Amino acid sequence: MNEGVQETGAAVAAARHAGKYLTFSLADEEYGVEILKVQEIIRMLPITRVPRTPAFVRGVINLRGRVIPVVDLRSKLGMDPLDGGPEQCMIVIQVMDVQTALIVDRVSEVLDIAPDAIEDPPHLGADGSTEFLLGIAKTAGRVQLLLDIDQVLSKQEVVLLQITRSELEADAD
């Protein structure tokens, strides 16, 4: 493929991913998720653990009468978990038609990211998987990893979250 075609493809991808992102911190890194996926930001609520779920599934919460699965995003992305913290909160998102709460260290701001500020994720070799990234944004001297939240959780994991939520709702009836 020639260089001009690659640049055009990258420009189309960047334009497709441009828009508003809710940015948040995990460890010392900034991440962003498309604002249209975000339903609300809530304080930490008591989490009910669910046996026999993956380690990154912290359990479920009762959010105004709805059972919502809770994912520790640090754990899912292979980071050390953070237990507590004054700014730790949950971002309630919609992933493949399943409402899910993501635990993050701190919510930052909503950014409107222009196409020319987004680059494709780097290719990190056979062991470096980046399919969960839409791109990397450079804004105001900072770098944000833009998450493709539909890729962060596999379809099988989303089905597991749906089953867990449905079973717990059925038990409550």
C-alpha atoms as a PDB file:
ATOM      1  CA  MET A   1       0.000   0.000   0.000  1.00  0.00           C
ATOM      2  CA  ASN A   2       1.393   3.401  -0.799  1.00  0.00           C
ATOM      3  CA  GLU A   3       1.916   6.129   1.758  1.00  0.00           C
ATOM      4  CA  GLY A   4      -0.828   8.443   0.450  1.00  0.00           C
ATOM      5  CA  VAL A   5      -3.481   5.735   0.808  1.00  0.00           C
ATOM      6  CA  GLN A   6      -2.296   4.960   4.356  1.00  0.00           C
ATOM      7  CA  GLU A   7      -2.503   8.645   5.313  1.00  0.00           C
ATOM      8  CA  THR A   8      -6.007   8.911   3.819  1.00  0.00           C
ATOM      9  CA  GLY A   9      -7.116   5.807   5.754  1.00  0.00           C
ATOM     10  CA  ALA A  10      -5.691   7.227   8.989  1.00  0.00           C
ATOM     11  CA  ALA A  11      -7.438  10.568   8.352  1.00  0.00           C
ATOM     12  CA  VAL A  12     -10.777   8.800   7.788  1.00  0.00           C
ATOM     13  CA  ALA A  13     -10.324   6.764  10.989  1.00  0.00           C
ATOM     14  CA  ALA A  14      -9.410   9.890  12.976  1.00  0.00           C
ATOM     15  CA  ALA A  15     -12.430  11.775  11.611  1.00  0.00           C
ATOM     16  CA  ARG A  16     -14.679   8.836  12.497  1.00  0.00           C
ATOM     17  CA  HIS A  17     -13.406   8.877  16.100  1.00  0.00           C
ATOM     18  CA  ALA A  18     -13.416  12.648  16.571  1.00  0.00           C
ATOM     19  CA  GLY A  19     -15.995  14.056  18.937  1.00  0.00           C
ATOM     20  CA  LYS A  20     -16.782  14.414  22.625  1.00  0.00           C
ATOM     21  CA  TYR A  21     -15.114  12.128  25.165  1.00  0.00           C
ATOM     22  CA  LEU A  22     -15.451  11.830  28.914  1.00  0.00           C
ATOM     23  CA  THR A  23     -11.894  11.669  30.206  1.00  0.00           C
ATOM     24  CA  PHE A  24     -10.848   9.923  33.396  1.00  0.00           C
ATOM     25  CA  SER A  25      -7.748   8.649  35.168  1.00  0.00           C
ATOM     26  CA  LEU A  26      -6.519   5.162  35.922  1.00  0.00           C
ATOM     27  CA  ALA A  27      -3.194   5.126  37.770  1.00  0.00           C
ATOM     28  CA  ASP A  28      -1.280   8.031  36.225  1.00  0.00           C
ATOM     29  CA  GLU A  29      -2.770   7.701  32.741  1.00  0.00           C
ATOM     30  CA  GLU A  30      -5.665   9.543  31.117  1.00  0.00           C
ATOM     31  CA  TYR A  31      -8.331   7.663  29.205  1.00  0.00           C
ATOM     32  CA  GLY A  32     -11.388   8.726  27.279  1.00  0.00           C
ATOM     33  CA  VAL A  33     -14.677   7.078  26.421  1.00  0.00           C
ATOM     34  CA  GLU A  34     -17.180   8.355  23.866  1.00  0.00           C
ATOM     35  CA  ILE A  35     -19.656  10.587  25.665  1.00  0.00           C
ATOM     36  CA  LEU A  36     -22.573   8.948  23.849  1.00  0.00           C
ATOM     37  CA  LYS A  37     -21.775   5.679  25.670  1.00  0.00           C
ATOM     38  CA  VAL A  38     -21.927   7.395  29.082  1.00  0.00           C
ATOM     39  CA  GLN A  39     -25.233   7.421  30.908  1.00  0.00           C
ATOM     40  CA  GLU A  40     -24.122   8.965  34.178  1.00  0.00           C
ATOM     41  CA  ILE A  41     -21.318   9.387  36.686  1.00  0.00           C
ATOM     42  CA  ILE A  42     -22.049   8.249  40.233  1.00  0.00           C
ATOM     43  CA  ARG A  43     -20.219   8.124  43.535  1.00  0.00           C
ATOM     44  CA  MET A  44     -19.037   4.767  44.778  1.00  0.00           C
ATOM     45  CA  LEU A  45     -21.927   2.666  46.035  1.00  0.00           C
ATOM     46  CA  PRO A  46     -21.854  -0.507  48.139  1.00  0.00           C
ATOM     47  CA  ILE A  47     -20.949  -3.424  45.872  1.00  0.00           C
ATOM     48  CA  THR A  48     -22.422  -6.888  46.369  1.00  0.00           C
ATOM     49  CA  ARG A  49     -19.871  -9.523  45.373  1.00  0.00           C
ATOM     50  CA  VAL A  50     -21.049 -12.266  43.034  1.00  0.00           C
ATOM     51  CA  PRO A  51     -19.337 -15.661  43.364  1.00  0.00           C
ATOM     52  CA  ARG A  52     -17.689 -17.350  40.380  1.00  0.00           C
ATOM     53  CA  THR A  53     -17.296 -14.234  38.259  1.00  0.00           C
ATOM     54  CA  PRO A  54     -14.018 -13.050  36.709  1.00  0.00           C
ATOM     55  CA  ALA A  55     -11.675 -11.073  38.972  1.00  0.00           C
ATOM     56  CA  PHE A  56     -12.374  -7.808  37.117  1.00  0.00           C
ATOM     57  CA  VAL A  57     -16.108  -8.082  37.931  1.00  0.00           C
ATOM     58  CA  ARG A  58     -16.312  -6.553  41.390  1.00  0.00           C
ATOM     59  CA  GLY A  59     -19.984  -7.475  41.756  1.00  0.00           C
ATOM     60  CA  VAL A  60     -23.240  -5.587  41.316  1.00  0.00           C
ATOM     61  CA  ILE A  61     -24.865  -2.432  42.642  1.00  0.00           C
ATOM     62  CA  ASN A  62     -28.468  -1.446  43.146  1.00  0.00           C
ATOM     63  CA  LEU A  63     -28.916   1.755  41.160  1.00  0.00           C
ATOM     64  CA  ARG A  64     -32.409   3.114  41.748  1.00  0.00           C
ATOM     65  CA  GLY A  65     -33.894  -0.391  41.752  1.00  0.00           C
ATOM     66  CA  ARG A  66     -31.817  -1.756  38.848  1.00  0.00           C
ATOM     67  CA  VAL A  67     -29.097  -4.323  39.310  1.00  0.00           C
ATOM     68  CA  ILE A  68     -25.983  -3.074  37.482  1.00  0.00           C
ATOM     69  CA  PRO A  69     -22.786  -5.134  37.092  1.00  0.00           C
ATOM     70  CA  VAL A  70     -19.607  -3.375  38.226  1.00  0.00           C
ATOM     71  CA  VAL A  71     -16.300  -3.736  36.363  1.00  0.00           C
ATOM     72  CA  ASP A  72     -12.991  -2.677  37.911  1.00  0.00           C
ATOM     73  CA  LEU A  73     -11.461  -1.075  34.827  1.00  0.00           C
ATOM     74  CA  ARG A  74      -7.970  -1.126  36.369  1.00  0.00           C
ATOM     75  CA  SER A  75      -8.188  -4.883  36.833  1.00  0.00           C
ATOM     76  CA  LYS A  76      -9.656  -5.438  33.363  1.00  0.00           C
ATOM     77  CA  LEU A  77      -6.774  -3.526  31.795  1.00  0.00           C
ATOM     78  CA  GLY A  78      -4.161  -5.451  33.800  1.00  0.00           C
ATOM     79  CA  MET A  79      -3.349  -2.773  36.385  1.00  0.00           C
ATOM     80  CA  ASP A  80      -3.097  -3.164  40.135  1.00  0.00           C
ATOM     81  CA  PRO A  81      -6.481  -2.489  41.763  1.00  0.00           C
ATOM     82  CA  LEU A  82      -7.011   0.631  43.840  1.00  0.00           C
ATOM     83  CA  ASP A  83      -9.113   0.111  46.934  1.00  0.00           C
ATOM     84  CA  GLY A  84     -10.855   3.362  47.618  1.00  0.00           C
ATOM     85  CA  GLY A  85      -9.597   6.848  47.060  1.00  0.00           C
ATOM     86  CA  PRO A  86     -11.286  10.189  47.589  1.00  0.00           C
ATOM     87  CA  GLU A  87     -12.111  10.730  43.908  1.00  0.00           C
ATOM     88  CA  GLN A  88     -12.833   7.143  42.902  1.00  0.00           C
ATOM     89  CA  CYS A  89     -16.234   6.882  41.221  1.00  0.00           C
ATOM     90  CA  MET A  90     -18.282   4.870  38.742  1.00  0.00           C
ATOM     91  CA  ILE A  91     -19.115   5.692  35.155  1.00  0.00           C
ATOM     92  CA  VAL A  92     -22.357   4.025  34.092  1.00  0.00           C
ATOM     93  CA  ILE A  93     -22.131   3.090  30.427  1.00  0.00           C
ATOM     94  CA  GLN A  94     -24.022   1.078  27.855  1.00  0.00           C
ATOM     95  CA  VAL A  95     -21.958  -1.806  26.438  1.00  0.00           C
ATOM     96  CA  MET A  96     -23.694  -3.889  23.774  1.00  0.00           C
ATOM     97  CA  ASP A  97     -27.110  -3.142  25.321  1.00  0.00           C
ATOM     98  CA  VAL A  98     -25.950  -3.971  28.870  1.00  0.00           C
ATOM     99  CA  GLN A  99     -25.811  -1.182  31.419  1.00  0.00           C
ATOM    100  CA  THR A 100     -22.483  -1.503  33.282  1.00  0.00           C
ATOM    101  CA  ALA A 101     -20.665   0.569  35.908  1.00  0.00           C
ATOM    102  CA  LEU A 102     -16.925   1.093  35.447  1.00  0.00           C
ATOM    103  CA  ILE A 103     -14.814   1.938  38.485  1.00  0.00           C
ATOM    104  CA  VAL A 104     -12.281   4.683  37.683  1.00  0.00           C
ATOM    105  CA  ASP A 105      -9.822   6.602  39.857  1.00  0.00           C
ATOM    106  CA  ARG A 106     -11.089  10.049  38.933  1.00  0.00           C
ATOM    107  CA  VAL A 107     -13.245  11.701  36.268  1.00  0.00           C
ATOM    108  CA  SER A 108     -11.519  14.632  34.588  1.00  0.00           C
ATOM    109  CA  GLU A 109     -13.589  16.476  31.988  1.00  0.00           C
ATOM    110  CA  VAL A 110     -15.465  16.263  28.705  1.00  0.00           C
ATOM    111  CA  LEU A 111     -13.201  17.045  25.762  1.00  0.00           C
ATOM    112  CA  ASP A 112     -14.175  17.793  22.189  1.00  0.00           C
ATOM    113  CA  ILE A 113     -11.366  16.058  20.314  1.00  0.00           C
ATOM    114  CA  ALA A 114     -10.684  17.170  16.742  1.00  0.00           C
ATOM    115  CA  PRO A 115      -9.747  14.675  14.003  1.00  0.00           C
ATOM    116  CA  ASP A 116      -6.225  16.089  13.684  1.00  0.00           C
ATOM    117  CA  ALA A 117      -5.603  15.420  17.400  1.00  0.00           C
ATOM    118  CA  ILE A 118      -6.175  11.645  17.053  1.00  0.00           C
ATOM    119  CA  GLU A 119      -3.634   9.082  15.934  1.00  0.00           C
ATOM    120  CA  ASP A 120      -4.118   5.365  15.365  1.00  0.00           C
ATOM    121  CA  PRO A 121      -2.950   3.153  18.227  1.00  0.00           C
ATOM    122  CA  PRO A 122       0.609   1.905  17.770  1.00  0.00           C
ATOM    123  CA  HIS A 123       1.290  -1.669  16.716  1.00  0.00           C
ATOM    124  CA  LEU A 124       3.048  -3.244  19.676  1.00  0.00           C
ATOM    125  CA  GLY A 125       3.922  -6.627  18.180  1.00  0.00           C
ATOM    126  CA  ALA A 126       2.289 -10.014  18.679  1.00  0.00           C
ATOM    127  CA  ASP A 127       1.895  -9.702  22.462  1.00  0.00           C
ATOM    128  CA  GLY A 128       0.827  -6.034  22.546  1.00  0.00           C
ATOM    129  CA  SER A 129      -2.908  -5.990  21.956  1.00  0.00           C
ATOM    130  CA  THR A 130      -4.441  -2.575  21.280  1.00  0.00           C
ATOM    131  CA  GLU A 131      -7.767  -3.564  19.709  1.00  0.00           C
ATOM    132  CA  PHE A 132      -9.541  -1.962  22.679  1.00  0.00           C
ATOM    133  CA  LEU A 133      -8.213   1.480  21.644  1.00  0.00           C
ATOM    134  CA  LEU A 134     -10.002   3.723  19.153  1.00  0.00           C
ATOM    135  CA  GLY A 135      -6.962   5.937  19.017  1.00  0.00           C
ATOM    136  CA  ILE A 136      -4.608   8.153  20.945  1.00  0.00           C
ATOM    137  CA  ALA A 137      -5.511  11.803  21.374  1.00  0.00           C
ATOM    138  CA  LYS A 138      -3.076  14.648  21.960  1.00  0.00           C
ATOM    139  CA  THR A 139      -4.751  17.661  23.552  1.00  0.00           C
ATOM    140  CA  ALA A 140      -3.250  20.577  25.474  1.00  0.00           C
ATOM    141  CA  GLY A 141       0.083  18.820  25.853  1.00  0.00           C
ATOM    142  CA  ARG A 142      -1.507  15.671  27.281  1.00  0.00           C
ATOM    143  CA  VAL A 143      -2.136  12.235  25.839  1.00  0.00           C
ATOM    144  CA  GLN A 144      -5.424  10.377  26.270  1.00  0.00           C
ATOM    145  CA  LEU A 145      -5.977   6.726  25.364  1.00  0.00           C
ATOM    146  CA  LEU A 146      -9.406   6.601  23.718  1.00  0.00           C
ATOM    147  CA  LEU A 147     -11.118   3.358  24.674  1.00  0.00           C
ATOM    148  CA  ASP A 148     -13.390   1.377  22.386  1.00  0.00           C
ATOM    149  CA  ILE A 149     -15.570   0.317  25.274  1.00  0.00           C
ATOM    150  CA  ASP A 150     -17.290  -2.311  23.114  1.00  0.00           C
ATOM    151  CA  GLN A 151     -13.863  -3.989  22.736  1.00  0.00           C
ATOM    152  CA  VAL A 152     -12.689  -3.624  26.342  1.00  0.00           C
ATOM    153  CA  LEU A 153     -15.223  -6.283  27.303  1.00  0.00           C
ATOM    154  CA  SER A 154     -15.546  -9.270  24.983  1.00  0.00           C
ATOM    155  CA  LYS A 155     -18.983 -10.414  23.831  1.00  0.00           C
ATOM    156  CA  GLN A 156     -18.678 -13.435  26.141  1.00  0.00           C
ATOM    157  CA  GLU A 157     -17.909 -11.160  29.097  1.00  0.00           C
ATOM    158  CA  VAL A 158     -20.894  -8.930  28.325  1.00  0.00           C
ATOM    159  CA  VAL A 159     -23.120 -12.018  28.106  1.00  0.00           C
ATOM    160  CA  LEU A 160     -21.777 -13.113  31.520  1.00  0.00           C
ATOM    161  CA  LEU A 161     -22.613  -9.672  32.955  1.00  0.00           C
ATOM    162  CA  GLN A 162     -26.121  -9.874  31.464  1.00  0.00           C
ATOM    163  CA  ILE A 163     -26.702 -13.369  32.876  1.00  0.00           C
ATOM    164  CA  THR A 164     -25.401 -12.337  36.308  1.00  0.00           C
ATOM    165  CA  ARG A 165     -27.683  -9.279  36.341  1.00  0.00           C
ATOM    166  CA  SER A 166     -30.695 -11.282  35.146  1.00  0.00           C
ATOM    167  CA  GLU A 167     -30.168 -14.038  37.725  1.00  0.00           C
ATOM    168  CA  LEU A 168     -29.870 -11.545  40.560  1.00  0.00           C
ATOM    169  CA  GLU A 169     -32.948  -9.629  39.417  1.00  0.00           C
ATOM    170  CA  ALA A 170     -34.899 -12.930  39.229  1.00  0.00           C
ATOM    171  CA  ASP A 171     -33.750 -13.872  42.740  1.00  0.00           C
ATOM    172  CA  ALA A 172     -34.986 -10.502  44.017  1.00  0.00           C
ATOM    173  CA  ASP A 173     -38.511 -11.061  42.641  1.00  0.00           C
END
